Amino acid sequence: MQLATLFLRLSALAIVLSACVSQPQQGIPEMDWQQRQQLLTKLADWSFSGKVLVKTADSADSARLHWQQQANDLELRLSGPVGLKEVSVRRRDGQVSVLRDGKWQTMGTTDDALRREFGWSLPLAYLPWWLKGLPSPAITSRQTRGNNGELGQLQQAGWTLDYLEYQAVEQHWLPARIDFSRGEVKGKILLKHWTLTP
């Protein structure tokens, strides 16, 4: 008798949890994909802190990540176990620099800067879009949607991104975890503590 009661309670709990997953986050207005794209595209100034984990055929690195975006300019800082050092990369007016020995040194591209420091690189030309849960409008992509109309999976520029978790940030539904892969490069980005500038 007790076993049957326990089974019924677990079944009820599973139904409640599945309903919660399929419903839009409370406080976030329901919208279709076009509306969501327009709203997120207008979001130009933002930042978050979190963590990035990258695995290649030769290494596995993890680091704390702080990202700040202001229109087309960005600055990111990686710190922690990766290489036992802190690296800051910024792009201002199309020029990419790396902070080394207290001085900003010009690099060719943002991707070159990461590859030189760590031996791997991420497509920083597209990441400002991907981190918000949008495809870059610069090139074609393949997309699937989640239960609430958000981006579920994105294939673009040879990369596959799986959006496994989202979070409510003010009136936005923003990624909390993105898994990515391209060839032998695989990893995930955990996005926490979003700050949105009006």
Protein backbone atom coordinates (compact mmCIF):
# COMPACT_ATOMS: atom_id res chain seq x y z
CA MET A 1 0.00 0.00 0.00
CA GLN A 2 2.78 2.40 0.91
CA LEU A 3 4.61 1.55 -2.32
CA ALA A 4 1.52 2.35 -4.39
CA THR A 5 1.07 5.66 -2.57
CA LEU A 6 4.72 6.56 -3.15
CA PHE A 7 4.39 5.73 -6.85
CA LEU A 8 1.31 7.95 -7.18
CA ARG A 9 3.08 10.85 -5.47
CA LEU A 10 6.15 10.50 -7.68
CA SER A 11 3.94 10.37 -10.78
CA ALA A 12 2.13 13.52 -9.71
CA LEU A 13 5.44 15.27 -9.05
CA ALA A 14 6.74 14.29 -12.50
CA ILE A 15 3.59 15.72 -14.12
CA VAL A 16 3.97 19.00 -12.22
CA LEU A 17 7.65 19.31 -13.12
CA SER A 18 7.03 18.60 -16.80
CA ALA A 19 4.31 21.25 -16.83
CA CYS A 20 6.73 23.75 -15.33
CA VAL A 21 9.30 23.04 -18.02
CA SER A 22 6.84 23.56 -20.86
CA GLN A 23 5.38 26.83 -19.55
CA PRO A 24 6.95 30.25 -20.19
CA GLN A 25 8.90 31.76 -17.31
CA GLN A 26 6.61 33.79 -15.06
CA GLY A 27 7.00 37.51 -15.65
CA ILE A 28 8.39 37.09 -19.18
CA PRO A 29 5.88 38.08 -21.88
CA GLU A 30 4.99 35.37 -24.38
CA MET A 31 6.23 36.15 -27.88
CA ASP A 32 6.97 34.44 -31.15
CA TRP A 33 10.45 34.01 -32.61
CA GLN A 34 10.35 37.22 -34.67
CA GLN A 35 9.36 39.28 -31.63
CA ARG A 36 12.05 37.62 -29.54
CA GLN A 37 14.70 38.36 -32.19
CA GLN A 38 13.70 42.02 -32.42
CA LEU A 39 13.79 42.46 -28.65
CA LEU A 40 17.17 40.79 -28.21
CA THR A 41 18.71 42.57 -31.21
CA LYS A 42 17.93 45.90 -29.54
CA LEU A 43 19.82 44.73 -26.46
CA ALA A 44 23.18 46.34 -27.25
CA ASP A 45 24.86 47.02 -23.89
CA TRP A 46 25.13 44.10 -21.49
CA SER A 47 27.54 42.02 -19.46
CA PHE A 48 27.69 38.76 -17.59
CA SER A 49 30.09 36.73 -15.50
CA GLY A 50 30.33 32.98 -15.58
CA LYS A 51 32.60 30.18 -16.63
CA VAL A 52 33.91 28.63 -19.83
CA LEU A 53 35.17 25.07 -20.24
CA VAL A 54 36.97 24.02 -23.42
CA LYS A 55 38.24 20.57 -24.37
CA THR A 56 40.44 19.82 -27.37
CA ALA A 57 42.36 16.76 -28.47
CA ASP A 58 45.38 18.02 -26.53
CA SER A 59 44.00 19.88 -23.53
CA ALA A 60 41.09 20.63 -21.24
CA ASP A 61 40.84 24.16 -19.85
CA SER A 62 38.42 26.00 -17.63
CA ALA A 63 38.32 29.63 -16.58
CA ARG A 64 36.14 32.27 -15.04
CA LEU A 65 34.72 34.50 -17.75
CA HIS A 66 33.60 38.10 -17.59
CA TRP A 67 32.13 39.57 -20.77
CA GLN A 68 31.15 43.20 -21.37
CA GLN A 69 29.45 44.30 -24.58
CA GLN A 70 28.81 47.89 -25.64
CA ALA A 71 27.31 48.00 -29.13
CA ASN A 72 30.07 46.56 -31.38
CA ASP A 73 32.83 46.94 -28.79
CA LEU A 74 33.58 44.16 -26.35
CA GLU A 75 35.95 43.26 -23.58
CA LEU A 76 36.37 39.82 -22.07
CA ARG A 77 38.48 38.62 -19.21
CA LEU A 78 39.50 35.02 -18.59
CA SER A 79 40.96 34.14 -15.22
CA GLY A 80 41.53 31.10 -13.08
CA PRO A 81 43.01 27.67 -13.69
CA VAL A 82 43.53 28.05 -17.43
CA GLY A 83 47.25 28.59 -17.89
CA LEU A 84 47.38 29.92 -14.31
CA LYS A 85 47.08 33.45 -15.67
CA GLU A 86 44.57 36.17 -16.42
CA VAL A 87 44.00 37.37 -19.94
CA SER A 88 41.95 40.36 -21.09
CA VAL A 89 40.99 40.87 -24.72
CA ARG A 90 39.12 43.83 -26.09
CA ARG A 91 37.78 45.03 -29.42
CA ARG A 92 37.35 48.78 -29.84
CA ASP A 93 36.41 50.35 -33.17
CA GLY A 94 37.36 47.10 -34.89
CA GLN A 95 40.84 46.98 -33.35
CA VAL A 96 41.71 44.00 -31.16
CA SER A 97 44.13 44.26 -28.22
CA VAL A 98 45.40 41.95 -25.50
CA LEU A 99 46.38 43.20 -22.05
CA ARG A 100 49.86 41.89 -21.32
CA ASP A 101 52.27 43.16 -18.65
CA GLY A 102 49.91 46.02 -17.87
CA LYS A 103 49.84 47.31 -21.47
CA TRP A 104 47.35 46.81 -24.29
CA GLN A 105 49.05 45.24 -27.30
CA THR A 106 47.39 45.18 -30.72
CA MET A 107 46.57 41.81 -32.27
CA GLY A 108 45.34 40.76 -35.70
CA THR A 109 41.92 39.44 -34.70
CA THR A 110 40.21 38.48 -31.47
CA ASP A 111 40.37 34.82 -32.50
CA ASP A 112 44.14 35.13 -33.03
CA ALA A 113 44.50 36.55 -29.52
CA LEU A 114 42.83 33.54 -27.88
CA ARG A 115 44.65 31.04 -30.06
CA ARG A 116 48.00 32.61 -29.19
CA GLU A 117 47.26 32.54 -25.47
CA PHE A 118 45.58 29.14 -25.13
CA GLY A 119 45.98 27.17 -28.34
CA TRP A 120 42.24 27.25 -29.02
CA SER A 121 39.83 29.90 -30.18
CA LEU A 122 36.14 30.71 -30.26
CA PRO A 123 34.43 32.76 -33.01
CA LEU A 124 34.21 36.08 -31.22
CA ALA A 125 32.72 37.76 -34.29
CA TYR A 126 29.56 35.71 -33.72
CA LEU A 127 29.56 35.22 -29.95
CA PRO A 128 27.86 38.55 -29.13
CA TRP A 129 24.83 37.18 -30.97
CA TRP A 130 25.11 33.58 -29.79
CA LEU A 131 25.45 34.55 -26.14
CA LYS A 132 22.09 36.34 -26.29
CA GLY A 133 20.45 33.31 -27.89
CA LEU A 134 20.44 34.65 -31.45
CA PRO A 135 22.02 33.53 -34.72
CA SER A 136 24.41 36.00 -36.29
CA PRO A 137 22.70 37.74 -39.23
CA ALA A 138 26.02 37.78 -41.12
CA ILE A 139 25.82 34.19 -42.41
CA THR A 140 23.26 31.44 -42.89
CA SER A 141 22.32 29.09 -40.07
CA ARG A 142 20.19 26.11 -39.12
CA GLN A 143 18.04 26.45 -36.02
CA THR A 144 15.62 24.55 -33.83
CA ARG A 145 13.32 26.05 -31.21
CA GLY A 146 12.71 25.18 -27.58
CA ASN A 147 9.34 24.78 -25.87
CA ASN A 148 8.86 28.52 -25.37
CA GLY A 149 10.04 29.66 -28.79
CA GLU A 150 13.62 30.29 -27.70
CA LEU A 151 16.65 29.01 -29.58
CA GLY A 152 17.18 25.32 -28.83
CA GLN A 153 20.03 24.46 -31.17
CA LEU A 154 22.04 26.57 -33.59
CA GLN A 155 24.36 25.40 -36.35
CA GLN A 156 26.40 28.24 -37.81
CA ALA A 157 29.93 28.85 -39.11
CA GLY A 158 30.69 25.15 -38.62
CA TRP A 159 29.77 25.29 -34.92
CA THR A 160 26.92 23.52 -33.15
CA LEU A 161 25.47 25.22 -30.08
CA ASP A 162 22.94 23.59 -27.76
CA TYR A 163 21.02 25.96 -25.49
CA LEU A 164 20.36 23.74 -22.49
CA GLU A 165 19.25 26.31 -19.91
CA TYR A 166 17.68 29.76 -19.92
CA GLN A 167 17.04 32.32 -17.18
CA ALA A 168 14.79 35.31 -16.65
CA VAL A 169 16.70 38.60 -16.66
CA GLU A 170 14.37 41.58 -16.32
CA GLN A 171 12.00 41.20 -19.29
CA HIS A 172 14.36 38.97 -21.23
CA TRP A 173 14.76 35.19 -21.48
CA LEU A 174 18.53 34.76 -21.76
CA PRO A 175 20.83 31.72 -21.95
CA ALA A 176 22.24 30.23 -18.75
CA ARG A 177 24.15 27.34 -20.34
CA ILE A 178 25.40 26.83 -23.90
CA ASP A 179 27.22 23.69 -25.02
CA PHE A 180 29.29 24.12 -28.17
CA SER A 181 31.35 21.95 -30.51
CA ARG A 182 33.27 22.11 -33.75
CA GLY A 183 35.50 19.24 -34.76
CA GLU A 184 37.75 18.36 -31.82
CA VAL A 185 36.86 21.53 -29.89
CA LYS A 186 34.04 21.04 -27.40
CA GLY A 187 32.93 22.85 -24.29
CA LYS A 188 30.30 24.86 -22.50
CA ILE A 189 29.68 28.39 -21.34
CA LEU A 190 27.85 29.05 -18.08
CA LEU A 191 26.31 32.52 -18.09
CA LYS A 192 25.51 34.00 -14.68
CA HIS A 193 24.93 37.42 -13.17
CA TRP A 194 23.66 39.22 -16.28
CA THR A 195 23.63 43.03 -16.19
CA LEU A 196 21.59 44.88 -18.80
CA THR A 197 22.12 48.56 -19.55
CA PRO A 198 19.06 50.43 -20.87
